[in-house]
């Protein structure tokens, strides 16, 4: 099966290029995962946008440290199992940290976890993922992890910790696509960060002038979404349906006119 995984979608520019891409190409994929934690104006996700993602072809939406920026998502995430937030959030947080989706007779598990290094305090992602793996493996060997973290070292550690146990470990959050995609021993596809879908002539998808000024004076700033040079970032992964092992991984990095 061929899986499309899309990196952090930032605001309307990110949504627009994603929708254009899916309109032309979604039939090329068996399963589609998008990270939507920055999709509503750069901070969080709302119900309308979540519905748009599902309607346009997304099978699962993952989140991250901005999961709760829009309060309206709290009841929605409890009712929609295919919108997931990091598994290692505090007990009692709305929603779920993983989901198992059956599509065309094949079950696919998607887990969302958040790193600890240079991130807000949170429970150990390694232990959290290891705790749920046995239960998930009772249903499927096709397991995909969105590891939302800052540090490349922590992401690499997660990849090696899970090699041979899951199909894909991919990083989100830094909004900068890395060039270290590979198949680890044991058949796990890995990349430190799949990148960002949105305006690439800003700072992590936000207006560069506001970001630069904050670095200069340290004063609070209201960020706006960058609209310049929209690009879609992500990966395509081919997975053996019988074994759950990854066969190939390729980066997606396209401009609006290339889509």
Foldseek 3Di string as FASTA:
>chain_A
DKEWEFAEQAEDQLVVLVLVCLVPPVVVGQAYEYEHCRHHQGAEDAPVVVVVCVVSRHQAYEYEPRHPVDVNCQVVQQVDQRYAYAQFADPPGGHHQKDWDAGPNFIAIEGEHEDDPVDPDTDHSLVSVVVCLVVVVVPAQAYEYEYEYDDLVVQVVSCVSCALRYAEREYHHQQQFDDPWDQDPNQYTYGSHQHYFAAPVDHSQWHNVQVVVCVVPVDDGDIGGDHHFGWITTKMWDADRVNNGTDDIDIGIDTSVRD
